[in-house]
Amino acid sequence: MNIIDKKDGSGVAMCDPDQAEALLAEFELDRNDVEFILSQSEINREQEAFLQQTDWQVTRHRDQLESQEATSLTDAQYQQLLSKRQQARKMIRAG
């Protein structure tokens, strides 16, 4: 992840996402003072994690429909989830 100063566009630091808050404190910067730019591999990891974390919701919904049970998600919620999952797939690029 790159951390960029919004005032002058200069690079503040490069770090792993889990180190960002510590670096901001070290440089005495506020989150509003900087912009975070993720690398494509970081974007891929985040989106793949989202897909994995929501697989069970899709599976549960399909199982409930197939067994003619009441679904935990409304049709609108399910369509919204599918849309978010499709957006995640589009954001993932082969490394």
C-alpha atoms as a PDB file:
ATOM      1  CA  MET A   1       0.000   0.000   0.000  1.00  0.00           C
ATOM      2  CA  ASN A   2       1.214   3.493  -0.808  1.00  0.00           C
ATOM      3  CA  ILE A   3       0.345   6.366   1.497  1.00  0.00           C
ATOM      4  CA  ILE A   4       0.179   9.703  -0.319  1.00  0.00           C
ATOM      5  CA  ASP A   5       0.001  13.174   1.251  1.00  0.00           C
ATOM      6  CA  LYS A   6      -3.154  14.880  -0.075  1.00  0.00           C
ATOM      7  CA  LYS A   7      -1.649  18.370   0.269  1.00  0.00           C
ATOM      8  CA  ASP A   8       1.262  17.964  -2.108  1.00  0.00           C
ATOM      9  CA  GLY A   9       0.854  14.504  -3.617  1.00  0.00           C
ATOM     10  CA  SER A  10       4.138  13.293  -2.204  1.00  0.00           C
ATOM     11  CA  GLY A  11       4.645   9.752  -1.082  1.00  0.00           C
ATOM     12  CA  VAL A  12       4.637   9.364   2.671  1.00  0.00           C
ATOM     13  CA  ALA A  13       5.360   5.646   2.908  1.00  0.00           C
ATOM     14  CA  MET A  14       4.868   2.187   1.459  1.00  0.00           C
ATOM     15  CA  CYS A  15       3.671  -0.451   3.888  1.00  0.00           C
ATOM     16  CA  ASP A  16       1.446  -3.436   4.449  1.00  0.00           C
ATOM     17  CA  PRO A  17      -2.170  -2.396   5.130  1.00  0.00           C
ATOM     18  CA  ASP A  18      -1.960  -3.613   8.723  1.00  0.00           C
ATOM     19  CA  GLN A  19       0.941  -1.198   9.388  1.00  0.00           C
ATOM     20  CA  ALA A  20      -0.777   1.941   8.052  1.00  0.00           C
ATOM     21  CA  GLU A  21      -2.200   3.241  11.332  1.00  0.00           C
ATOM     22  CA  ALA A  22       1.154   2.947  13.113  1.00  0.00           C
ATOM     23  CA  LEU A  23       2.887   4.827  10.306  1.00  0.00           C
ATOM     24  CA  LEU A  24       0.300   7.601  10.397  1.00  0.00           C
ATOM     25  CA  ALA A  25       0.882   7.997  14.127  1.00  0.00           C
ATOM     26  CA  GLU A  26       4.651   7.978  13.598  1.00  0.00           C
ATOM     27  CA  PHE A  27       4.411  10.787  11.023  1.00  0.00           C
ATOM     28  CA  GLU A  28       1.735  12.559  13.078  1.00  0.00           C
ATOM     29  CA  LEU A  29      -0.737  12.431  10.224  1.00  0.00           C
ATOM     30  CA  ASP A  30      -4.496  11.979  10.307  1.00  0.00           C
ATOM     31  CA  ARG A  31      -6.354   9.622   7.941  1.00  0.00           C
ATOM     32  CA  ASN A  32      -7.953  12.734   6.374  1.00  0.00           C
ATOM     33  CA  ASP A  33      -4.492  14.064   5.430  1.00  0.00           C
ATOM     34  CA  VAL A  34      -3.551  11.100   3.258  1.00  0.00           C
ATOM     35  CA  GLU A  35      -4.802   8.844   0.494  1.00  0.00           C
ATOM     36  CA  PHE A  36      -4.267   5.099   0.570  1.00  0.00           C
ATOM     37  CA  ILE A  37      -3.491   3.409  -2.720  1.00  0.00           C
ATOM     38  CA  LEU A  38      -3.617  -0.366  -2.768  1.00  0.00           C
ATOM     39  CA  SER A  39      -1.499  -2.454  -5.093  1.00  0.00           C
ATOM     40  CA  GLN A  40      -3.322  -4.795  -7.464  1.00  0.00           C
ATOM     41  CA  SER A  41      -2.209  -7.792  -5.401  1.00  0.00           C
ATOM     42  CA  GLU A  42      -3.714  -6.186  -2.270  1.00  0.00           C
ATOM     43  CA  ILE A  43      -6.949  -5.513  -4.157  1.00  0.00           C
ATOM     44  CA  ASN A  44      -6.977  -9.108  -5.373  1.00  0.00           C
ATOM     45  CA  ARG A  45      -6.496 -10.444  -1.825  1.00  0.00           C
ATOM     46  CA  GLU A  46      -9.285  -8.254  -0.439  1.00  0.00           C
ATOM     47  CA  GLN A  47     -11.737  -9.177  -3.167  1.00  0.00           C
ATOM     48  CA  GLU A  48     -10.897 -12.889  -3.006  1.00  0.00           C
ATOM     49  CA  ALA A  49     -11.410 -12.781   0.765  1.00  0.00           C
ATOM     50  CA  PHE A  50     -14.812 -11.125   0.256  1.00  0.00           C
ATOM     51  CA  LEU A  51     -15.829 -13.848  -2.200  1.00  0.00           C
ATOM     52  CA  GLN A  52     -14.733 -16.581   0.201  1.00  0.00           C
ATOM     53  CA  GLN A  53     -16.489 -14.917   3.138  1.00  0.00           C
ATOM     54  CA  THR A  54     -19.789 -14.683   1.252  1.00  0.00           C
ATOM     55  CA  ASP A  55     -19.784 -18.105  -0.429  1.00  0.00           C
ATOM     56  CA  TRP A  56     -21.815 -19.561   2.430  1.00  0.00           C
ATOM     57  CA  GLN A  57     -24.570 -16.964   1.967  1.00  0.00           C
ATOM     58  CA  VAL A  58     -24.983 -17.868  -1.694  1.00  0.00           C
ATOM     59  CA  THR A  59     -24.929 -21.585  -0.923  1.00  0.00           C
ATOM     60  CA  ARG A  60     -27.426 -21.219   1.924  1.00  0.00           C
ATOM     61  CA  HIS A  61     -29.810 -19.168  -0.230  1.00  0.00           C
ATOM     62  CA  ARG A  62     -29.681 -21.685  -3.087  1.00  0.00           C
ATOM     63  CA  ASP A  63     -30.160 -24.596  -0.675  1.00  0.00           C
ATOM     64  CA  GLN A  64     -33.159 -22.901   0.923  1.00  0.00           C
ATOM     65  CA  LEU A  65     -34.736 -22.256  -2.466  1.00  0.00           C
ATOM     66  CA  GLU A  66     -34.141 -25.813  -3.619  1.00  0.00           C
ATOM     67  CA  SER A  67     -35.618 -27.286  -0.448  1.00  0.00           C
ATOM     68  CA  GLN A  68     -38.541 -24.847  -0.709  1.00  0.00           C
ATOM     69  CA  GLU A  69     -37.752 -23.289   2.677  1.00  0.00           C
ATOM     70  CA  ALA A  70     -38.094 -19.645   3.578  1.00  0.00           C
ATOM     71  CA  THR A  71     -34.904 -17.847   2.608  1.00  0.00           C
ATOM     72  CA  SER A  72     -32.739 -15.916   5.040  1.00  0.00           C
ATOM     73  CA  LEU A  73     -32.149 -13.232   2.421  1.00  0.00           C
ATOM     74  CA  THR A  74     -34.863 -11.397   0.541  1.00  0.00           C
ATOM     75  CA  ASP A  75     -34.695 -11.495  -3.243  1.00  0.00           C
ATOM     76  CA  ALA A  76     -33.407  -7.907  -3.214  1.00  0.00           C
ATOM     77  CA  GLN A  77     -30.689  -8.717  -0.648  1.00  0.00           C
ATOM     78  CA  TYR A  78     -29.626 -11.769  -2.631  1.00  0.00           C
ATOM     79  CA  GLN A  79     -29.438  -9.795  -5.887  1.00  0.00           C
ATOM     80  CA  GLN A  80     -27.415  -7.098  -4.113  1.00  0.00           C
ATOM     81  CA  LEU A  81     -25.013  -9.753  -2.789  1.00  0.00           C
ATOM     82  CA  LEU A  82     -24.636 -11.261  -6.256  1.00  0.00           C
ATOM     83  CA  SER A  83     -23.954  -7.807  -7.692  1.00  0.00           C
ATOM     84  CA  LYS A  84     -21.252  -7.102  -5.086  1.00  0.00           C
ATOM     85  CA  ARG A  85     -19.676 -10.490  -5.770  1.00  0.00           C
ATOM     86  CA  GLN A  86     -19.643  -9.762  -9.512  1.00  0.00           C
ATOM     87  CA  GLN A  87     -17.980  -6.383  -8.847  1.00  0.00           C
ATOM     88  CA  ALA A  88     -15.357  -8.161  -6.733  1.00  0.00           C
ATOM     89  CA  ARG A  89     -14.641 -10.592  -9.570  1.00  0.00           C
ATOM     90  CA  LYS A  90     -14.206  -7.706 -11.995  1.00  0.00           C
ATOM     91  CA  MET A  91     -11.709  -6.022  -9.651  1.00  0.00           C
ATOM     92  CA  ILE A  92      -9.541  -9.136  -9.503  1.00  0.00           C
ATOM     93  CA  ARG A  93      -6.888  -9.250 -12.185  1.00  0.00           C
ATOM     94  CA  ALA A  94      -4.523 -12.087 -12.849  1.00  0.00           C
ATOM     95  CA  GLY A  95      -1.215 -11.419 -11.142  1.00  0.00           C
END
